[in-house]
Amino acid sequence: MKAVLTRVSSASVEVDGEIVGEIHCPETGGILALIGVGREDSPDAWETMVRKIAELRVLEHETSVIDVGAPVLLVSQFTLYGRTAKGRRPSWSDAAPSEIAEPVIARIAEGLQARGIQVATGRFGAMMKVASVNEGPFTVLVEC
């Protein structure tokens, strides 16, 4: 499993002209989490990802989402598994198929919510427009 975590003051996801998920957090900052589920991920990788998103000290003053009650916008992003070593067209063969990835993304959202974190999401499988106001900018790649 891979994630790109970006510290933001606000972020939103639009599908067909409708905002389906958004966070506004100018005081604490928040996290835009782009999550890719891999074909070979271990069954408990989602739990590790929940812990990383909640506890990594990536917000201002080396605080975490759980420390300051920051929100998370969670967006499925299979393209994180694009292989580009050969040719001009990325290969998506390392990404999990949607019937496997969609429940994993849902488990991550539920796991964060169970920890008391406000979670907004995109819409799995939809063509989404993701907007964010990055802070720092501060972005990290997480692999579980």
Protein backbone atom coordinates (compact mmCIF):
# COMPACT_ATOMS: atom_id res chain seq x y z
CA MET A 1 0.00 0.00 0.00
CA LYS A 2 1.21 3.46 -0.87
CA ALA A 3 0.07 6.89 0.20
CA VAL A 4 1.00 10.44 -0.60
CA LEU A 5 0.25 12.56 2.47
CA THR A 6 0.15 16.30 1.99
CA ARG A 7 -0.29 18.88 4.73
CA VAL A 8 -3.12 21.21 3.70
CA SER A 9 -5.15 24.10 5.09
CA SER A 10 -8.07 23.00 2.91
CA ALA A 11 -8.84 20.37 0.29
CA SER A 12 -11.86 19.17 -1.64
CA VAL A 13 -13.01 16.54 -4.12
CA GLU A 14 -15.54 17.28 -6.84
CA VAL A 15 -17.43 14.70 -8.90
CA ASP A 16 -19.73 15.80 -11.75
CA GLY A 17 -19.79 19.39 -10.49
CA GLU A 18 -20.68 18.38 -6.89
CA ILE A 19 -18.32 18.64 -3.89
CA VAL A 20 -18.39 15.13 -2.40
CA GLY A 21 -15.72 15.62 0.27
CA GLU A 22 -13.90 18.58 1.76
CA ILE A 23 -11.88 19.71 4.76
CA HIS A 24 -11.10 23.21 6.01
CA CYS A 25 -8.48 23.45 8.71
CA PRO A 26 -6.55 26.75 8.63
CA GLU A 27 -5.70 26.61 12.36
CA THR A 28 -4.50 23.01 12.76
CA GLY A 29 -3.77 21.97 9.20
CA GLY A 30 -5.04 18.67 7.88
CA ILE A 31 -4.00 15.86 5.60
CA LEU A 32 -4.90 15.11 2.01
CA ALA A 33 -4.21 11.37 1.75
CA LEU A 34 -3.99 9.85 -1.73
CA ILE A 35 -4.07 6.07 -1.17
CA GLY A 36 -3.07 3.33 -3.61
CA VAL A 37 -3.85 -0.30 -2.82
CA GLY A 38 -1.44 -2.84 -4.27
CA ARG A 39 -2.16 -6.30 -5.61
CA GLU A 40 0.38 -7.84 -3.19
CA ASP A 41 -0.55 -5.89 -0.02
CA SER A 42 -0.71 -7.85 3.21
CA PRO A 43 -4.19 -8.22 4.71
CA ASP A 44 -3.34 -5.96 7.65
CA ALA A 45 -1.64 -3.18 5.64
CA TRP A 46 -4.72 -0.99 6.01
CA GLU A 47 -4.27 -0.99 9.82
CA THR A 48 -0.68 0.19 9.45
CA MET A 49 -1.83 2.93 7.07
CA VAL A 50 -4.45 4.11 9.56
CA ARG A 51 -1.77 4.33 12.25
CA LYS A 52 0.62 6.20 9.94
CA ILE A 53 -2.00 8.74 8.82
CA ALA A 54 -3.14 9.33 12.41
CA GLU A 55 0.25 9.38 14.13
CA LEU A 56 2.95 10.63 11.75
CA ARG A 57 4.24 13.97 13.00
CA VAL A 58 3.84 15.83 9.73
CA LEU A 59 1.74 18.79 10.80
CA GLU A 60 3.10 22.11 12.02
CA HIS A 61 5.31 21.99 15.14
CA GLU A 62 5.89 18.25 14.60
CA THR A 63 2.36 17.31 15.60
CA SER A 64 0.13 14.58 14.21
CA VAL A 65 -3.49 14.39 13.11
CA ILE A 66 -4.40 12.66 16.37
CA ASP A 67 -2.46 15.22 18.47
CA VAL A 68 -4.38 18.25 17.21
CA GLY A 69 -7.67 16.76 16.01
CA ALA A 70 -6.93 17.55 12.38
CA PRO A 71 -9.20 16.29 9.59
CA VAL A 72 -8.24 13.97 6.73
CA LEU A 73 -9.47 13.94 3.13
CA LEU A 74 -9.00 10.38 1.88
CA VAL A 75 -8.89 9.79 -1.89
CA SER A 76 -8.33 6.48 -3.67
CA GLN A 77 -5.43 6.76 -6.14
CA PHE A 78 -4.59 3.54 -8.02
CA THR A 79 -2.18 5.47 -10.23
CA LEU A 80 0.37 5.44 -7.40
CA TYR A 81 1.11 1.91 -8.62
CA GLY A 82 1.87 3.00 -12.18
CA ARG A 83 5.12 1.48 -13.45
CA THR A 84 6.95 3.74 -15.88
CA ALA A 85 10.32 2.03 -16.34
CA LYS A 86 9.59 0.91 -19.90
CA GLY A 87 7.87 2.63 -22.77
CA ARG A 88 5.63 5.66 -22.68
CA ARG A 89 2.48 4.14 -21.20
CA PRO A 90 2.35 3.36 -17.47
CA SER A 91 1.48 -0.18 -16.44
CA TRP A 92 -1.18 -0.53 -13.74
CA SER A 93 -0.68 -4.27 -13.18
CA ASP A 94 0.64 -3.79 -9.62
CA ALA A 95 -2.53 -1.98 -8.49
CA ALA A 96 -5.23 -4.04 -6.78
CA PRO A 97 -8.43 -4.52 -8.77
CA SER A 98 -11.34 -2.36 -7.64
CA GLU A 99 -13.21 -5.24 -5.95
CA ILE A 100 -10.21 -5.60 -3.61
CA ALA A 101 -9.18 -1.94 -3.32
CA GLU A 102 -12.59 -0.38 -2.60
CA PRO A 103 -13.19 -2.27 0.69
CA VAL A 104 -9.62 -1.51 1.80
CA ILE A 105 -10.15 2.23 1.25
CA ALA A 106 -13.42 1.97 3.21
CA ARG A 107 -11.60 0.17 6.08
CA ILE A 108 -9.00 2.95 6.23
CA ALA A 109 -11.76 5.59 6.47
CA GLU A 110 -13.57 3.58 9.16
CA GLY A 111 -10.31 3.00 11.06
CA LEU A 112 -9.54 6.71 11.14
CA GLN A 113 -13.10 7.53 12.22
CA ALA A 114 -12.85 4.93 14.99
CA ARG A 115 -9.90 6.92 16.33
CA GLY A 116 -12.08 10.04 16.48
CA ILE A 117 -10.67 11.63 13.32
CA GLN A 118 -12.94 13.64 11.02
CA VAL A 119 -12.71 11.96 7.60
CA ALA A 120 -13.99 13.17 4.25
CA THR A 121 -13.64 11.02 1.14
CA GLY A 122 -13.71 11.10 -2.59
CA ARG A 123 -15.92 8.71 -4.56
CA PHE A 124 -14.24 5.41 -5.41
CA GLY A 125 -13.88 4.83 -9.15
CA ALA A 126 -15.23 8.25 -10.15
CA MET A 127 -13.45 10.86 -12.23
CA MET A 128 -12.56 13.30 -9.46
CA LYS A 129 -11.24 16.83 -9.38
CA VAL A 130 -9.07 17.20 -6.30
CA ALA A 131 -8.18 20.69 -5.10
CA SER A 132 -5.89 21.54 -2.22
CA VAL A 133 -4.11 24.42 -0.56
CA ASN A 134 -0.81 22.85 0.40
CA GLU A 135 0.99 24.09 3.47
CA GLY A 136 4.77 24.19 3.47
CA PRO A 137 4.55 22.54 1.01
CA PHE A 138 4.99 19.38 3.04
CA THR A 139 4.40 16.03 1.33
CA VAL A 140 5.59 12.54 2.23
CA LEU A 141 5.34 9.13 0.59
CA VAL A 142 4.27 6.30 2.92
CA GLU A 143 4.59 2.64 2.00
CA CYS A 144 3.20 -0.17 4.16
